[in-house]
Amino acid sequence: MQFDEGDHRFRILGCRHGLTLIYHASRDQLLVWDPVNGDRHNVDIPPGFNMTETQIHGAVLQAAGDTRHFQVVLVGNDEKQYTRALACTYSSENGAWGNLISTLLPPKPKDCRSRLPTTISLSTPSVLVGDSLYWFLAESSASILEFDLGFNAQF
């Protein structure tokens, strides 16, 4: 796959079920790409994610046996304060984002010397276990963020 010449502002957020999720910062979009058959789907970033101030991560999945539809889960930190995690799901079946949800992030441990806030780790991909996706939280002594697909699914 090629992007426009000079367009290097993209980041791979994850790969699962034969699909790759790419954040294309120059366009403020997500790209869901099937590298086997070349299918590409551009998805606009949902309202509530201010991309100049929100650090994002995400995951892409398909329901078992369904190769036509996919779901994107986008997670990030709230703007500037980094006290809350945001999440939103996209369903290709209905072509829309669900409601934005949020939860408080745990505070840093008192013995943590880092001056950085607790954030969703951008360097570690999500892990799918059962019906939940998990992301590591940086600067927060072995904490994780869980997104329950069974509770929040749009399939």
Protein backbone atom coordinates (compact mmCIF):
# COMPACT_ATOMS: atom_id res chain seq x y z
CA MET A 1 0.00 0.00 0.00
CA GLN A 2 1.25 3.48 -0.80
CA PHE A 3 0.36 6.84 0.63
CA ASP A 4 0.78 10.08 -1.27
CA GLU A 5 4.39 11.18 -1.70
CA GLY A 6 5.56 13.15 1.31
CA ASP A 7 2.61 11.94 3.38
CA HIS A 8 4.34 10.18 6.26
CA ARG A 9 2.02 11.01 9.14
CA PHE A 10 0.45 7.64 9.77
CA ARG A 11 0.66 5.00 12.47
CA ILE A 12 -0.41 1.36 12.53
CA LEU A 13 -2.74 0.89 15.48
CA GLY A 14 -3.28 -2.84 15.19
CA CYS A 15 -3.88 -5.95 13.10
CA ARG A 16 -6.47 -8.62 13.75
CA HIS A 17 -8.66 -11.03 11.80
CA GLY A 18 -6.78 -10.26 8.57
CA LEU A 19 -7.36 -6.50 8.79
CA THR A 20 -4.94 -3.67 9.56
CA LEU A 21 -6.02 -0.46 11.32
CA ILE A 22 -3.99 2.62 10.37
CA TYR A 23 -4.32 6.14 11.78
CA HIS A 24 -3.74 8.63 8.96
CA ALA A 25 -2.96 11.88 10.81
CA SER A 26 -2.75 14.11 7.73
CA ARG A 27 -6.36 13.30 6.87
CA ASP A 28 -7.59 12.84 10.46
CA GLN A 29 -8.99 9.46 9.41
CA LEU A 30 -8.63 5.80 10.13
CA LEU A 31 -7.94 3.34 7.35
CA VAL A 32 -9.10 -0.26 7.63
CA TRP A 33 -7.07 -2.24 5.12
CA ASP A 34 -7.18 -5.88 4.04
CA PRO A 35 -3.65 -6.53 2.73
CA VAL A 36 -4.70 -9.81 1.06
CA ASN A 37 -7.44 -8.50 -1.22
CA GLY A 38 -6.55 -4.80 -1.09
CA ASP A 39 -9.91 -3.58 0.26
CA ARG A 40 -9.65 -0.17 1.94
CA HIS A 41 -12.21 1.62 4.06
CA ASN A 42 -11.68 5.21 5.25
CA VAL A 43 -13.38 6.06 8.52
CA ASP A 44 -13.53 9.62 9.89
CA ILE A 45 -12.41 10.13 13.49
CA PRO A 46 -15.52 10.37 15.72
CA PRO A 47 -16.70 13.56 17.40
CA GLY A 48 -15.17 13.94 20.86
CA PHE A 49 -11.67 12.93 19.78
CA ASN A 50 -9.74 16.20 19.36
CA MET A 51 -6.83 14.83 17.37
CA THR A 52 -4.46 17.70 18.16
CA GLU A 53 -4.74 16.98 21.89
CA THR A 54 -5.94 13.37 22.21
CA GLN A 55 -3.50 10.47 22.10
CA ILE A 56 -5.27 7.59 20.37
CA HIS A 57 -4.99 3.87 20.05
CA GLY A 58 -7.38 1.41 18.51
CA ALA A 59 -8.27 -2.08 17.38
CA VAL A 60 -10.10 -3.62 14.45
CA LEU A 61 -12.07 -6.89 14.54
CA GLN A 62 -14.52 -8.97 12.60
CA ALA A 63 -17.32 -11.14 13.93
CA ALA A 64 -16.70 -14.86 13.56
CA GLY A 65 -17.55 -16.01 10.04
CA ASP A 66 -18.38 -12.48 8.82
CA THR A 67 -15.88 -11.21 6.26
CA ARG A 68 -18.05 -8.32 5.06
CA HIS A 69 -18.32 -6.24 8.22
CA PHE A 70 -15.82 -5.02 10.76
CA GLN A 71 -15.78 -3.09 14.01
CA VAL A 72 -13.25 -0.46 15.11
CA VAL A 73 -12.67 0.37 18.76
CA LEU A 74 -10.92 3.70 19.24
CA VAL A 75 -9.55 4.64 22.66
CA GLY A 76 -7.68 7.71 23.85
CA ASN A 77 -6.99 10.10 26.66
CA ASP A 78 -9.08 13.18 27.26
CA GLU A 79 -7.71 16.54 26.22
CA LYS A 80 -4.85 18.06 28.22
CA GLN A 81 -5.71 16.74 31.71
CA TYR A 82 -5.26 13.02 30.94
CA THR A 83 -7.57 12.03 33.80
CA ARG A 84 -10.06 10.06 31.71
CA ALA A 85 -9.93 7.42 29.00
CA LEU A 86 -12.31 7.83 26.06
CA ALA A 87 -13.68 5.04 23.87
CA CYS A 88 -15.96 4.77 20.87
CA THR A 89 -16.90 1.93 18.50
CA TYR A 90 -17.53 2.03 14.78
CA SER A 91 -19.61 -0.56 12.94
CA SER A 92 -19.16 -0.93 9.19
CA GLU A 93 -22.55 -2.64 9.08
CA ASN A 94 -24.39 0.57 9.93
CA GLY A 95 -21.56 2.95 8.91
CA ALA A 96 -21.66 4.92 12.14
CA TRP A 97 -19.85 5.54 15.39
CA GLY A 98 -21.58 4.70 18.66
CA ASN A 99 -21.74 6.96 21.69
CA LEU A 100 -18.52 8.24 23.21
CA ILE A 101 -17.93 6.68 26.63
CA SER A 102 -15.32 7.53 29.26
CA THR A 103 -13.88 6.31 32.52
CA LEU A 104 -11.45 7.69 35.08
CA LEU A 105 -7.83 6.61 34.72
CA PRO A 106 -6.04 5.40 37.85
CA PRO A 107 -3.68 7.91 39.45
CA LYS A 108 0.05 7.36 39.27
CA PRO A 109 1.50 5.44 42.22
CA LYS A 110 3.02 7.72 44.85
CA ASP A 111 6.44 6.16 44.32
CA CYS A 112 6.37 6.86 40.56
CA ARG A 113 9.08 9.38 39.70
CA SER A 114 7.82 10.16 36.24
CA ARG A 115 6.29 13.57 35.63
CA LEU A 116 4.19 12.18 32.79
CA PRO A 117 0.46 11.55 33.35
CA THR A 118 -1.15 8.12 33.12
CA THR A 119 -1.92 7.48 29.45
CA ILE A 120 -2.87 4.59 27.20
CA SER A 121 0.40 3.09 26.01
CA LEU A 122 0.94 3.93 22.34
CA SER A 123 3.80 1.46 21.99
CA THR A 124 1.86 -1.68 22.93
CA PRO A 125 -0.97 -3.12 20.81
CA SER A 126 -4.27 -4.18 22.29
CA VAL A 127 -4.83 -7.76 23.37
CA LEU A 128 -8.11 -9.60 22.72
CA VAL A 129 -9.10 -12.09 25.43
CA GLY A 130 -12.60 -13.53 25.18
CA ASP A 131 -14.99 -10.62 24.63
CA SER A 132 -12.64 -7.92 25.92
CA LEU A 133 -9.85 -5.78 24.50
CA TYR A 134 -7.05 -4.68 26.82
CA TRP A 135 -4.49 -1.87 26.59
CA PHE A 136 -1.57 -1.21 28.94
CA LEU A 137 -1.53 2.12 30.73
CA ALA A 138 1.80 3.95 30.72
CA GLU A 139 3.12 5.58 33.89
CA SER A 140 0.71 3.62 36.08
CA SER A 141 2.40 0.61 37.66
CA ALA A 142 1.05 -2.34 35.65
CA SER A 143 -2.49 -1.04 35.14
CA ILE A 144 -4.62 -1.97 32.14
CA LEU A 145 -7.69 -0.57 30.42
CA GLU A 146 -10.44 -3.08 29.58
CA PHE A 147 -13.05 -2.57 26.87
CA ASP A 148 -15.82 -5.16 27.15
CA LEU A 149 -17.02 -5.89 23.61
CA GLY A 150 -20.00 -7.86 24.88
CA PHE A 151 -21.27 -4.86 26.79
CA ASN A 152 -20.30 -2.22 24.22
CA ALA A 153 -20.59 -4.14 20.93
CA GLN A 154 -22.51 -2.82 17.94
CA PHE A 155 -22.47 -5.96 15.77
